[in-house]
Protein backbone atom coordinates (compact mmCIF):
# COMPACT_ATOMS: atom_id res chain seq x y z
CA MET A 1 0.00 0.00 0.00
CA ARG A 2 1.36 3.43 -0.96
CA ARG A 3 2.26 5.57 2.04
CA VAL A 4 1.04 9.16 2.18
CA SER A 5 3.80 11.67 2.92
CA PRO A 6 3.24 13.53 6.23
CA GLU A 7 3.09 16.93 4.56
CA ARG A 8 0.06 15.79 2.54
CA ILE A 9 -1.87 14.77 5.66
CA PRO A 10 -3.95 17.70 6.93
CA ALA A 11 -2.92 19.28 10.21
CA TRP A 12 -6.12 18.18 11.98
CA GLU A 13 -5.37 14.53 11.19
CA ARG A 14 -1.71 14.83 12.17
CA ARG A 15 -2.83 16.02 15.60
CA PHE A 16 -4.92 12.89 16.07
CA ARG A 17 -2.13 10.66 14.80
CA ALA A 18 0.73 12.29 16.68
CA PRO A 19 2.29 10.00 19.28
CA THR A 20 1.77 10.87 22.92
CA VAL A 21 2.61 9.23 26.24
CA SER A 22 1.05 9.15 29.69
CA LEU A 23 2.93 10.11 32.82
CA PRO A 24 5.11 7.13 33.79
CA THR A 25 4.20 5.53 37.10
CA TRP A 26 6.31 3.51 39.50
CA SER A 27 6.12 1.68 42.80
CA ARG A 28 7.95 3.15 45.77
CA ALA A 29 9.96 -0.06 46.18
CA ALA A 30 11.20 -0.07 42.56
CA PRO A 31 11.18 3.53 41.30
CA ASP A 32 13.40 2.83 38.28
CA ARG A 33 11.03 0.27 36.77
CA LEU A 34 8.37 2.43 35.17
CA VAL A 35 5.13 1.79 33.34
CA TYR A 36 3.34 4.12 30.93
CA ALA A 37 0.85 4.00 28.06
CA THR A 38 1.32 5.36 24.56
CA ASN A 39 -0.37 5.38 21.16
CA GLU A 40 2.96 5.18 19.31
CA GLY A 41 1.98 2.05 17.40
CA GLY A 42 -1.45 3.37 16.43
CA VAL A 43 -3.22 1.70 19.37
CA TRP A 44 -2.93 2.71 23.01
CA GLN A 45 -0.85 0.02 24.76
CA VAL A 46 1.05 -0.28 28.04
CA HIS A 47 4.84 -0.09 27.88
CA ALA A 48 7.67 -0.68 30.36
CA TRP A 49 10.72 1.53 30.83
CA ASP A 50 13.89 0.48 32.61
CA LEU A 51 15.27 3.81 33.74
CA ALA A 52 18.74 2.45 34.50
CA SER A 53 19.36 1.19 30.96
CA GLY A 54 17.00 3.55 29.14
CA ALA A 55 15.35 0.61 27.37
CA ARG A 56 11.61 0.76 26.63
CA TRP A 57 9.32 -1.91 25.26
CA ARG A 58 5.66 -2.73 24.73
CA VAL A 59 4.02 -5.10 27.23
CA THR A 60 0.39 -5.33 26.07
CA ASP A 61 -0.92 -6.24 22.64
CA ASP A 62 -4.65 -5.83 23.05
CA PRO A 63 -6.58 -5.33 19.79
CA ILE A 64 -8.92 -2.76 21.37
CA GLY A 65 -6.14 -1.00 23.26
CA VAL A 66 -5.17 -0.45 26.90
CA PRO A 67 -5.17 3.16 28.18
CA ASP A 68 -3.22 2.68 31.43
CA GLY A 69 -1.32 0.23 33.59
CA ALA A 70 0.81 0.02 36.71
CA PRO A 71 3.85 -1.84 38.00
CA THR A 72 3.46 -4.42 40.72
CA ALA A 73 4.65 -3.28 44.13
CA ASP A 74 7.98 -5.09 43.72
CA GLY A 75 8.45 -3.79 40.17
CA ARG A 76 8.64 -7.28 38.71
CA GLY A 77 5.34 -7.18 36.86
CA VAL A 78 3.00 -4.95 34.89
CA VAL A 79 -0.73 -4.85 35.67
CA TRP A 80 -3.60 -3.65 33.50
CA PHE A 81 -7.37 -4.06 33.21
CA HIS A 82 -8.59 -6.18 30.32
CA ASP A 83 -12.00 -6.43 28.74
CA GLU A 84 -12.87 -8.19 25.51
CA THR A 85 -15.11 -5.68 23.73
CA GLY A 86 -14.61 -2.21 25.18
CA ASP A 87 -17.55 -2.50 27.60
CA GLU A 88 -15.14 -2.07 30.55
CA PHE A 89 -16.33 -5.32 32.13
CA GLY A 90 -13.41 -7.63 32.74
CA ARG A 91 -10.50 -8.47 35.01
CA HIS A 92 -6.96 -7.42 35.89
CA LEU A 93 -4.05 -9.15 34.17
CA VAL A 94 -0.36 -9.21 35.03
CA ALA A 95 2.69 -9.93 32.89
CA PRO A 96 6.42 -9.94 33.68
CA PHE A 97 8.04 -6.51 33.55
CA GLU A 98 10.30 -7.80 30.77
CA GLY A 99 7.23 -8.72 28.73
CA GLY A 100 5.21 -11.87 28.15
CA ARG A 101 1.69 -13.21 28.19
CA GLY A 102 -0.73 -11.65 30.64
CA VAL A 103 -2.42 -13.93 33.17
CA THR A 104 -5.23 -13.31 35.64
CA LEU A 105 -3.90 -11.28 38.56
CA PHE A 106 -6.61 -12.19 41.08
CA PRO A 107 -7.85 -15.79 40.60
CA GLY A 108 -11.11 -16.27 42.44
CA VAL A 109 -12.24 -12.65 42.05
CA PRO A 110 -15.16 -12.37 39.61
CA GLU A 111 -15.17 -10.16 36.56
CA GLY A 112 -16.69 -6.72 36.90
CA TRP A 113 -16.31 -3.03 36.22
CA PRO A 114 -13.17 -1.57 37.82
CA SER A 115 -13.67 0.40 41.02
CA GLY A 116 -10.19 1.02 42.32
CA LEU A 117 -6.98 -0.95 42.74
CA ALA A 118 -4.16 -0.86 45.30
CA LEU A 119 -1.13 -3.06 44.68
CA GLY A 120 1.02 -4.15 47.62
CA ARG A 121 3.74 -6.69 48.32
CA SER A 122 1.98 -8.47 51.20
CA VAL A 123 -1.57 -7.82 50.00
CA SER A 124 -3.46 -6.09 47.20
CA ALA A 125 -6.97 -4.65 47.16
CA VAL A 126 -9.36 -4.58 44.23
CA GLY A 127 -12.80 -3.00 43.93
CA LEU A 128 -15.39 -3.95 41.32
CA GLY A 129 -18.90 -3.10 40.27
CA LEU A 130 -20.79 -6.35 39.71
CA GLU A 131 -23.48 -7.55 37.32
CA ASP A 132 -26.14 -7.57 40.05
CA GLY A 133 -25.59 -3.83 40.57
CA SER A 134 -23.62 -4.17 43.81
CA PHE A 135 -20.03 -3.21 44.60
CA ALA A 136 -17.40 -5.22 46.46
CA VAL A 137 -13.80 -4.96 47.62
CA TRP A 138 -11.45 -7.93 48.01
CA LEU A 139 -8.12 -8.30 49.80
CA VAL A 140 -5.78 -10.64 47.92
CA PRO A 141 -2.49 -11.99 49.31
CA PRO A 142 0.20 -12.96 46.78
CA ASP A 143 -0.15 -16.70 47.42
CA GLY A 144 -3.62 -17.20 48.80
CA PRO A 145 -7.31 -16.96 48.02
CA PRO A 146 -9.08 -13.59 47.89
CA ARG A 147 -10.98 -12.41 50.96
CA GLU A 148 -14.09 -10.30 50.44
CA LEU A 149 -13.75 -7.27 52.69
CA VAL A 150 -17.01 -5.42 52.06
CA ARG A 151 -20.00 -5.49 49.70
CA HIS A 152 -22.80 -2.96 49.29
CA HIS A 153 -25.49 -1.94 46.81
CA GLU A 154 -24.09 1.62 46.77
CA LEU A 155 -20.72 2.74 45.46
CA LEU A 156 -17.48 1.35 46.90
CA GLU A 157 -14.09 2.36 45.51
CA VAL A 158 -10.57 1.46 46.60
CA GLY A 159 -8.66 4.67 47.30
CA GLY A 160 -11.45 6.98 46.31
CA ALA A 161 -9.55 9.25 43.88
CA TRP A 162 -9.28 7.26 40.67
CA ARG A 163 -6.24 8.11 38.53
CA GLY A 164 -5.83 4.82 36.69
CA GLY A 165 -3.32 2.21 37.79
CA SER A 166 -2.72 1.67 41.49
CA ALA A 167 -4.25 4.19 43.91
CA LEU A 168 -1.81 6.04 46.17
CA GLY A 169 -4.72 6.52 48.56
CA GLY A 170 -5.51 2.81 48.83
CA LEU A 171 -2.99 0.92 50.97
CA SER A 172 -0.83 2.65 53.57
CA ALA A 173 2.94 2.41 53.10
CA ASP A 174 3.22 -0.49 55.55
CA GLU A 175 0.12 -2.12 53.98
CA ARG A 176 -1.64 -2.38 57.33
CA LEU A 177 -4.47 0.02 56.43
CA LEU A 178 -6.78 0.30 53.44
CA CYS A 179 -8.96 3.28 52.55
CA VAL A 180 -12.26 2.72 50.73
CA ALA A 181 -14.58 5.46 49.51
CA HIS A 182 -18.23 4.57 49.98
CA ALA A 183 -21.75 5.88 49.46
CA GLU A 184 -23.51 3.76 52.06
CA HIS A 185 -25.38 6.92 53.10
CA GLY A 186 -27.01 6.84 49.65
CA ASP A 187 -25.22 9.57 47.67
CA SER A 188 -22.40 8.51 45.35
CA LEU A 189 -21.81 12.13 44.32
CA HIS A 190 -20.60 12.92 47.85
CA PRO A 191 -18.77 9.84 49.15
CA ALA A 192 -17.42 9.22 52.64
CA LEU A 193 -14.15 7.49 53.53
CA ARG A 194 -13.60 4.40 55.65
CA VAL A 195 -10.27 2.89 56.67
CA TYR A 196 -9.96 -0.83 57.40
CA ASP A 197 -7.36 -2.75 59.32
CA VAL A 198 -6.10 -5.18 56.68
CA ALA A 199 -5.30 -8.02 59.08
CA SER A 200 -8.63 -8.08 60.91
CA GLY A 201 -10.90 -6.57 58.26
CA GLU A 202 -12.35 -4.26 60.92
CA ALA A 203 -13.11 -0.61 60.23
CA VAL A 204 -10.76 1.61 62.25
CA GLY A 205 -11.64 5.04 60.88
CA GLU A 206 -14.61 6.82 59.33
CA LEU A 207 -14.67 10.28 57.76
CA TRP A 208 -17.92 11.85 56.59
CA ASP A 209 -18.65 15.55 56.49
CA GLY A 210 -22.41 15.16 56.20
CA PRO A 211 -25.03 15.34 53.45
CA GLY A 212 -23.93 17.09 50.27
CA LEU A 213 -20.24 17.13 51.22
CA GLY A 214 -17.86 14.70 49.55
CA LEU A 215 -14.40 13.41 50.41
CA SER A 216 -11.70 11.82 48.29
CA ALA A 217 -8.58 9.96 49.42
CA TRP A 218 -5.48 10.88 47.43
CA ALA A 219 -2.28 9.56 48.98
CA TRP A 220 -0.92 7.94 52.11
CA SER A 221 2.37 9.14 53.52
CA PRO A 222 5.17 7.14 51.85
CA VAL A 223 6.89 6.54 55.20
CA PRO A 224 6.20 3.04 56.62
CA GLY A 225 4.37 3.28 59.94
CA ASP A 226 3.13 6.80 59.18
CA ALA A 227 -0.68 6.63 59.20
CA ARG A 228 -1.33 10.05 57.66
CA LEU A 229 -3.66 10.12 54.66
CA ALA A 230 -3.99 13.18 52.41
CA VAL A 231 -7.61 13.78 51.45
CA VAL A 232 -9.65 16.49 49.74
CA HIS A 233 -12.80 17.85 51.39
CA GLU A 234 -15.68 20.16 50.51
CA ARG A 235 -16.41 21.84 53.84
CA GLU A 236 -15.72 25.13 52.10
CA ASP A 237 -17.21 25.90 48.71
CA LEU A 238 -13.78 25.50 47.11
CA GLU A 239 -12.23 22.07 47.55
CA ARG A 240 -9.29 21.98 49.95
CA PRO A 241 -6.82 19.34 51.19
CA ALA A 242 -6.64 17.90 54.66
CA ILE A 243 -4.45 15.41 56.49
CA TRP A 244 -6.19 12.62 58.38
CA ASP A 245 -3.97 10.83 60.89
CA LEU A 246 -5.38 7.36 61.52
CA SER A 247 -3.04 6.78 64.46
CA THR A 248 -4.76 9.55 66.45
CA GLY A 249 -7.98 10.14 64.52
CA GLU A 250 -7.00 13.80 64.15
CA ARG A 251 -7.87 15.66 60.98
CA VAL A 252 -6.20 18.93 59.99
CA ASP A 253 -7.71 21.01 57.19
CA LEU A 254 -4.96 22.91 55.40
CA ALA A 255 -5.39 26.68 55.17
CA LEU A 256 -4.37 27.90 51.72
CA ASP A 257 -4.56 31.45 50.41
CA LEU A 258 -5.45 30.51 46.83
CA SER A 259 -8.36 31.78 44.75
CA GLY A 260 -9.50 28.52 43.17
CA PRO A 261 -9.98 24.94 44.30
CA VAL A 262 -7.12 22.70 45.34
CA ASP A 263 -8.82 19.47 44.41
CA ARG A 264 -5.86 17.13 43.91
CA VAL A 265 -3.12 15.98 46.27
CA LEU A 266 -0.95 14.26 43.71
CA ASP A 267 1.84 12.94 45.93
CA TRP A 268 3.99 13.35 49.03
CA TRP A 269 7.68 14.16 49.12
CA PRO A 270 9.52 10.92 50.00
CA ASP A 271 10.31 11.90 53.60
CA GLY A 272 6.67 12.78 54.35
CA SER A 273 7.45 16.44 54.98
CA ALA A 274 5.51 18.01 52.10
CA LEU A 275 2.62 17.50 49.71
CA LEU A 276 2.38 18.03 45.95
CA LEU A 277 -0.82 20.02 45.43
CA CYS A 278 -2.62 20.98 42.23
CA HIS A 279 -4.43 24.32 42.25
CA SER A 280 -7.01 24.93 39.53
CA HIS A 281 -8.27 28.39 38.64
CA GLU A 282 -10.53 29.07 35.67
CA GLY A 283 -9.26 26.20 33.57
CA ARG A 284 -5.53 26.48 34.27
CA ASP A 285 -3.46 24.55 36.82
CA ARG A 286 -0.52 25.30 39.08
CA LEU A 287 1.51 22.78 41.06
CA PHE A 288 2.68 23.67 44.57
CA ARG A 289 4.87 22.13 47.23
CA PHE A 290 3.18 22.51 50.61
CA GLU A 291 5.50 22.09 53.61
CA ILE A 292 3.41 20.57 56.37
CA ALA A 293 5.35 21.81 59.41
CA SER A 294 5.63 25.46 58.35
CA GLY A 295 2.60 25.79 56.08
CA ARG A 296 4.86 27.29 53.41
CA LEU A 297 3.56 27.10 49.85
CA ALA A 298 6.08 27.14 46.98
CA ALA A 299 5.26 27.02 43.28
CA VAL A 300 6.69 24.16 41.23
CA ASP A 301 8.27 25.34 37.98
CA HIS A 302 6.26 24.27 34.93
CA PRO A 303 4.69 25.82 31.80
CA GLU A 304 1.24 27.40 31.73
CA GLY A 305 -1.66 25.11 30.98
CA THR A 306 -3.35 22.05 32.43
CA VAL A 307 -1.72 19.30 34.48
CA THR A 308 -2.94 15.81 33.63
CA ASP A 309 -0.94 14.17 36.41
CA ALA A 310 2.23 14.60 38.44
CA ARG A 311 4.40 12.63 40.89
CA VAL A 312 7.45 13.24 43.08
CA ARG A 313 10.55 11.17 42.34
CA PRO A 314 12.72 9.72 45.16
CA ASP A 315 15.22 12.60 44.75
CA GLY A 316 12.47 15.24 45.03
CA GLU A 317 12.20 16.05 41.33
CA VAL A 318 8.60 16.52 40.19
CA TRP A 319 7.53 14.82 36.98
CA PHE A 320 4.38 16.08 35.30
CA ARG A 321 2.33 15.65 32.17
CA MET A 322 0.67 18.79 30.90
CA SER A 323 -0.52 20.63 27.83
CA SER A 324 -2.17 23.85 26.74
CA GLY A 325 -4.98 24.47 24.30
CA ARG A 326 -2.37 25.44 21.73
CA SER A 327 0.31 22.79 22.36
CA ALA A 328 0.26 19.01 22.67
CA PRO A 329 1.03 17.21 25.95
CA ARG A 330 4.57 16.76 27.15
CA VAL A 331 6.08 14.87 30.07
CA GLY A 332 8.49 17.22 31.79
CA SER A 333 10.09 17.90 35.13
CA SER A 334 10.47 20.67 37.68
CA ARG A 335 14.11 20.91 36.59
CA GLY A 336 13.13 22.04 33.12
CA ARG A 337 13.86 18.88 31.18
CA ASP A 338 11.80 16.56 29.02
CA VAL A 339 11.39 13.27 30.86
CA LEU A 340 9.90 11.07 28.18
CA ALA A 341 9.30 12.07 24.56
CA PRO A 342 7.36 9.80 22.21
CA GLU A 343 8.94 8.69 18.97
CA GLY A 344 7.55 10.42 15.90
CA GLU A 345 6.30 13.79 14.71
CA ARG A 346 4.94 16.07 17.40
CA ALA A 347 1.39 17.32 16.90
CA PRO A 348 1.20 20.66 15.09
CA ASP A 349 0.37 23.58 17.32
CA GLY A 350 -3.16 24.91 17.18
CA ARG A 351 -4.91 28.15 17.98
CA PRO A 352 -4.76 29.41 21.59
CA TYR A 353 -7.68 29.19 23.98
CA ARG A 354 -8.98 32.63 24.96
CA PRO A 355 -10.62 32.92 28.40
CA TRP A 356 -14.23 34.00 28.19
CA ALA A 357 -16.91 34.87 30.74
CA PHE A 358 -20.52 35.95 30.48
CA ALA A 359 -23.61 36.42 32.61
CA GLY A 360 -25.76 33.31 32.93
CA PRO A 361 -29.06 32.73 34.74
CA GLY A 362 -27.20 31.25 37.71
CA GLY A 363 -24.31 33.72 37.81
CA ARG A 364 -21.06 34.32 35.99
CA VAL A 365 -20.14 31.50 33.60
CA HIS A 366 -16.54 30.91 32.56
CA GLY A 367 -15.10 29.04 29.63
CA PHE A 368 -12.91 29.43 26.57
CA VAL A 369 -13.43 30.46 22.97
CA VAL A 370 -11.12 29.38 20.16
CA THR A 371 -11.28 31.19 16.82
CA PRO A 372 -9.60 31.02 13.43
CA GLU A 373 -7.46 33.91 12.30
CA GLY A 374 -9.29 36.97 11.03
CA PRO A 375 -12.45 38.81 12.03
CA GLY A 376 -15.81 37.24 12.87
CA PRO A 377 -18.57 36.43 12.86
CA PHE A 378 -17.61 32.79 12.33
CA PRO A 379 -19.64 29.64 11.91
CA THR A 380 -19.51 28.34 15.47
CA VAL A 381 -19.49 24.95 17.16
CA LEU A 382 -20.83 24.81 20.70
CA GLU A 383 -18.70 21.88 21.88
CA ILE A 384 -20.23 20.58 25.13
CA HIS A 385 -18.08 18.71 27.63
CA GLY A 386 -19.08 15.41 29.18
CA GLY A 387 -19.07 14.28 32.77
CA PRO A 388 -21.13 16.20 33.72
CA HIS A 389 -18.64 16.69 36.56
CA TRP A 390 -15.70 17.71 34.39
CA HIS A 391 -14.66 21.00 32.83
CA TRP A 392 -13.07 22.52 29.79
CA ALA A 393 -9.50 23.51 30.62
CA ASP A 394 -6.66 25.10 28.71
CA ALA A 395 -5.69 21.65 27.45
CA PHE A 396 -4.88 20.25 24.02
CA SER A 397 -7.79 18.84 22.03
CA PRO A 398 -7.33 17.63 18.45
CA LEU A 399 -11.13 17.72 18.12
CA VAL A 400 -11.37 21.41 18.98
CA GLN A 401 -8.49 22.31 16.68
CA ALA A 402 -10.03 20.29 13.82
CA TRP A 403 -13.11 22.51 13.94
CA VAL A 404 -10.95 25.63 13.97
CA ASP A 405 -8.88 24.38 11.01
CA HIS A 406 -12.11 24.28 9.01
CA GLY A 407 -13.08 27.85 9.78
CA PHE A 408 -15.23 27.39 12.89
CA ALA A 409 -15.05 29.22 16.15
CA VAL A 410 -15.46 26.84 19.08
CA ALA A 411 -17.30 27.75 22.27
CA LEU A 412 -16.30 25.83 25.40
CA VAL A 413 -18.73 26.57 28.24
CA ASN A 414 -18.20 25.40 31.81
CA TYR A 415 -21.88 25.25 32.65
CA ARG A 416 -23.35 24.71 36.11
CA GLY A 417 -22.43 21.12 36.94
CA SER A 418 -18.80 21.59 35.90
CA THR A 419 -15.93 20.96 38.27
CA GLY A 420 -13.24 23.56 38.88
CA TYR A 421 -15.50 26.33 40.21
CA GLY A 422 -16.47 25.07 43.64
CA ARG A 423 -19.00 22.73 45.17
CA ALA A 424 -22.04 24.99 44.75
CA TRP A 425 -21.44 25.40 41.02
CA ARG A 426 -20.86 21.69 40.51
CA ASP A 427 -23.90 20.65 42.53
CA ALA A 428 -26.26 23.23 41.02
CA ILE A 429 -27.59 20.54 38.66
CA VAL A 430 -28.41 18.03 41.41
CA GLY A 431 -32.16 17.52 41.25
CA ASN A 432 -32.42 19.29 37.89
CA PRO A 433 -29.86 17.78 35.50
CA GLY A 434 -29.94 18.58 31.80
CA LEU A 435 -32.12 21.66 31.88
CA THR A 436 -29.83 23.68 34.17
CA GLU A 437 -26.78 23.14 31.98
CA LEU A 438 -28.78 23.99 28.88
CA ASP A 439 -29.70 27.42 30.26
CA ASP A 440 -26.01 28.27 30.66
CA LEU A 441 -25.07 26.87 27.26
CA MET A 442 -27.68 28.92 25.43
CA ALA A 443 -26.65 32.05 27.34
CA GLY A 444 -23.11 31.45 26.08
CA VAL A 445 -24.29 31.15 22.48
CA ASP A 446 -26.26 34.38 22.83
CA ASP A 447 -23.21 36.13 24.26
CA LEU A 448 -20.96 35.14 21.35
CA VAL A 449 -23.60 36.23 18.85
CA ALA A 450 -23.86 39.60 20.61
CA ARG A 451 -20.07 40.00 20.57
CA GLY A 452 -19.93 39.36 16.82
CA VAL A 453 -17.96 36.14 17.24
CA ALA A 454 -20.69 33.64 16.29
CA ASP A 455 -22.84 33.74 13.16
CA PRO A 456 -26.38 32.99 14.40
CA GLU A 457 -27.29 31.33 11.09
CA ARG A 458 -24.40 28.86 11.25
CA LEU A 459 -24.47 27.33 14.71
CA VAL A 460 -23.56 23.69 15.37
CA CYS A 461 -24.29 21.87 18.63
CA SER A 462 -21.84 19.06 19.42
CA GLY A 463 -20.72 16.98 22.38
CA GLU A 464 -19.78 13.54 23.64
CA SER A 465 -21.23 11.43 26.46
CA TRP A 466 -23.01 13.88 28.80
CA GLY A 467 -22.20 16.47 26.17
CA GLY A 468 -23.95 14.28 23.60
CA TYR A 469 -26.96 14.04 25.90
CA LEU A 470 -27.07 17.83 26.24
CA THR A 471 -26.69 18.14 22.46
CA LEU A 472 -29.84 16.08 21.90
CA LEU A 473 -31.69 18.14 24.50
CA ALA A 474 -30.54 21.39 22.86
CA LEU A 475 -31.65 20.23 19.42
CA SER A 476 -35.10 19.47 20.87
CA LEU A 477 -35.66 22.41 23.21
CA HIS A 478 -34.06 25.09 21.02
CA PRO A 479 -34.77 23.65 17.55
CA GLU A 480 -34.61 26.93 15.60
CA ARG A 481 -31.05 27.75 16.65
CA TRP A 482 -29.04 25.03 14.96
CA ALA A 483 -27.80 24.29 11.46
CA CYS A 484 -27.05 20.73 12.61
CA GLY A 485 -25.96 18.69 15.61
CA VAL A 486 -23.38 16.01 16.41
CA ALA A 487 -24.08 13.75 19.40
CA GLY A 488 -21.25 11.38 20.31
CA VAL A 489 -22.10 8.41 22.55
CA PRO A 490 -25.13 10.28 23.96
CA VAL A 491 -28.03 9.45 26.22
CA GLY A 492 -31.17 9.64 24.09
CA ASP A 493 -33.61 7.58 26.17
CA TYR A 494 -32.69 8.01 29.82
CA VAL A 495 -34.87 5.25 31.25
CA ALA A 496 -33.46 2.66 28.85
CA ALA A 497 -29.96 3.97 29.49
CA TYR A 498 -30.35 3.50 33.23
CA GLU A 499 -31.56 -0.06 32.73
CA ASP A 500 -28.47 -1.06 30.73
CA GLU A 501 -25.60 1.02 32.11
CA ALA A 502 -22.84 -0.03 34.51
CA PRO A 503 -23.50 0.16 38.28
CA ALA A 504 -21.33 3.24 38.85
CA LEU A 505 -23.33 5.15 36.23
CA GLN A 506 -26.60 4.07 37.82
CA ALA A 507 -25.32 5.31 41.17
CA MET A 508 -24.39 8.65 39.62
CA ASP A 509 -27.83 8.98 38.04
CA ARG A 510 -29.55 8.27 41.36
CA GLY A 511 -27.51 11.07 42.88
CA LEU A 512 -28.30 13.54 40.09
CA PHE A 513 -32.01 12.76 39.71
CA GLY A 514 -32.83 11.96 43.33
CA GLY A 515 -33.45 8.26 42.69
CA GLY A 516 -33.87 5.74 39.90
CA PRO A 517 -36.56 5.85 37.19
CA GLU A 518 -38.97 3.82 39.30
CA GLU A 519 -38.65 6.30 42.18
CA VAL A 520 -38.75 9.59 40.23
CA PRO A 521 -40.22 8.72 36.81
CA ASP A 522 -41.26 12.28 35.98
CA ALA A 523 -37.72 13.58 36.50
CA TYR A 524 -36.33 11.10 33.98
CA ARG A 525 -39.13 11.69 31.49
CA GLU A 526 -38.80 15.48 31.62
CA ARG A 527 -35.04 15.33 31.08
CA SER A 528 -34.90 12.60 28.45
CA PRO A 529 -34.30 13.72 24.84
CA ILE A 530 -36.68 11.07 23.49
CA THR A 531 -39.56 12.90 25.20
CA TYR A 532 -39.03 15.86 22.87
CA VAL A 533 -37.95 14.03 19.73
CA ASP A 534 -40.83 15.42 17.68
CA ARG A 535 -39.42 18.95 18.11
CA VAL A 536 -36.07 18.27 16.42
CA LYS A 537 -35.63 20.16 13.15
CA ALA A 538 -31.88 20.19 12.46
CA PRO A 539 -30.02 17.25 10.89
CA VAL A 540 -28.28 15.07 13.49
CA LEU A 541 -25.24 12.83 13.39
CA VAL A 542 -25.11 10.25 16.18
CA LEU A 543 -21.90 8.33 16.96
CA ALA A 544 -22.36 5.18 19.05
CA GLY A 545 -20.22 2.36 20.43
CA GLU A 546 -21.85 -1.05 20.15
CA ASN A 547 -20.37 -2.19 23.50
CA ASP A 548 -20.71 1.03 25.48
CA SER A 549 -21.64 0.38 29.13
CA ARG A 550 -21.85 4.08 30.01
CA CYS A 551 -24.23 5.26 27.27
CA PRO A 552 -25.50 1.89 26.00
CA ILE A 553 -26.42 1.24 22.39
CA ARG A 554 -30.03 0.08 22.94
CA GLN A 555 -31.22 3.45 24.20
CA ILE A 556 -29.41 5.22 21.34
CA ASP A 557 -31.12 2.93 18.83
CA ARG A 558 -34.48 3.70 20.43
CA TYR A 559 -33.87 7.43 20.09
CA VAL A 560 -32.75 7.14 16.45
CA GLU A 561 -35.77 4.99 15.59
CA ALA A 562 -38.11 7.51 17.22
CA LEU A 563 -36.53 10.39 15.31
CA ARG A 564 -36.73 8.55 12.00
CA ALA A 565 -40.36 7.65 12.65
CA ARG A 566 -41.05 11.38 12.74
CA ASP A 567 -39.12 11.96 9.48
CA GLY A 568 -36.17 13.48 11.30
CA GLU A 569 -32.90 13.69 9.38
CA VAL A 570 -30.43 11.53 11.28
CA GLU A 571 -27.25 9.70 10.36
CA VAL A 572 -25.56 7.11 12.57
CA TYR A 573 -21.89 6.21 12.80
CA ARG A 574 -21.45 2.94 14.70
CA TYR A 575 -18.18 1.46 15.84
CA THR A 576 -17.53 -1.87 17.49
CA THR A 577 -16.02 -1.02 20.88
CA GLY A 578 -17.19 0.97 23.90
CA HIS A 579 -17.52 4.50 25.22
CA SER A 580 -14.13 5.52 23.83
CA SER A 581 -11.85 4.11 21.19
CA PHE A 582 -8.15 3.66 21.84
CA LEU A 583 -7.36 3.10 18.16
CA VAL A 584 -5.88 6.10 16.37
CA ASP A 585 -7.39 5.14 13.01
CA GLU A 586 -10.85 4.89 14.57
CA ARG A 587 -10.55 8.30 16.20
CA VAL A 588 -9.56 9.77 12.84
CA ARG A 589 -12.53 8.09 11.15
CA GLN A 590 -14.89 9.51 13.75
CA MET A 591 -13.53 13.03 13.34
CA ARG A 592 -13.75 12.75 9.58
CA ALA A 593 -17.38 11.64 9.90
CA ARG A 594 -18.10 14.70 12.06
CA LEU A 595 -16.44 17.05 9.61
CA ASP A 596 -18.05 15.54 6.53
CA PHE A 597 -21.49 15.73 8.11
CA VAL A 598 -21.19 19.29 9.40
CA LEU A 599 -19.63 20.66 6.22
CA ARG A 600 -22.61 19.33 4.25
CA HIS A 601 -25.02 21.29 6.42
CA VAL A 602 -23.20 24.54 7.20
CA PRO A 603 -22.76 26.88 4.23
CA GLY A 604 -19.58 28.78 3.51
CA VAL A 605 -16.96 26.51 5.10
CA GLY A 606 -14.25 24.49 3.39
CA ARG A 607 -14.36 20.80 2.62
CA THR A 608 -12.15 18.39 4.54
CA THR A 609 -9.68 15.99 2.93
């Protein structure tokens, strides 16, 4: 097959195809045996890196891809979660660090949806969501049968601050204590924390701040015998860190003079004297070293943008992965060097993200706008983020830049329900999901039209996951505004979605809606796009994964059938895996489908190649 020279591949496609790597992770016992994931071969796979020799090699060879992994506690193995179809239902596998066939890591533990993992030398802990809708946590010694520690019909998660791989907030350094986040009080959006004695299985600590206030466990002190656990709380509107000492039961909330939330405690310094904190303010991050004894806060040197993850090396150097809206991710260090660069052409730079704020019905709304060169008004894509508890940040997105390359402005609105702006903003949608966000999104569109940025006759509504759900709602409830819409892996029929989705998603929905569909049927009906399908006027492209356990295919099919029965113009792009694809070619095909569809329905923009 004839190869296409890189200069003939459009910039938008080169951004999708450009190799990138995750932040390498390591165990404290073997810090020079690192594990990371990369798309260098065209499919996301887990790789190993021997820091002493500099050698790197691929460990996994999964046809649907593997987005993250972790080393075993002794550094001799590599662990990852495997599922057959992309539905995220499966089991953990382990292979030798040097490479080889993966085998089941926890024989005797059933398959399920992952809900936290903590890898130790004397014991490991694994949490799963199960087919019956319950959650369970097992303790597994290296050479013995698993022991079920706890099971409940509400959310359980090992560690409670999921970052992929092995949770730093799971097992204490001496492996005598295990922290589990739980929603036994009935609200998975605001979990509590419980610490168990590993030997006895008895609970030895409980932390709950009351209704509507969540807690997350981030990292135990790395010093063996030190029972301090760094957590994040919501007692104030802005998230803040605290240190919970399980040896005394004392909790100390850290006083920080910072304007935005500090919602991540990414690591400790190796001697237990300081914490690595991530401060987020209006879509941009800053890393800080917080000295516990003095309370001194010192900025870590890094570029402007968004921090995906960061860790502290044994010598105190901070490694981080970060990007900006303009520039692709890089793995760098606090000493100003590149730690790990992927092999191949770096993604072309894009247009910068410009901060943007406007008045919404619930207060000031913040976000970003990205525009092509030249004056407006531009055809404009309202690109809606998923989650809903997530936010648009000054972070690299090939999807956003692809729209801009084709002449579109892109509006990125952090509607009520978004993280990054405090608890009250995030929880403003609880009890009224869907409609609240839509009010803010439409106010943002109106603001850009008034500013002369957006052409009101050439508006596109687009989003994925929760953003796809909001796209379908927007097309129904504001039908005259749109030239077309693109809904990626959306919720179209909320009742059917609830019936088929994974247990963690059901728990989230109960928290957002105030119960399941049988308990609050009117809430689901009033916020389900299929209820308003007869109002849709704009053409719609729906992208759907056949094995998606978050936004399942049956409810998408029901929505599409209902729209077609009313002579709605809808096209469907189906792919064979789950909620996300880890295949570079598939991501390119999906973006090309988006572009081809939109360019057919929006006048005055260029064709893609």
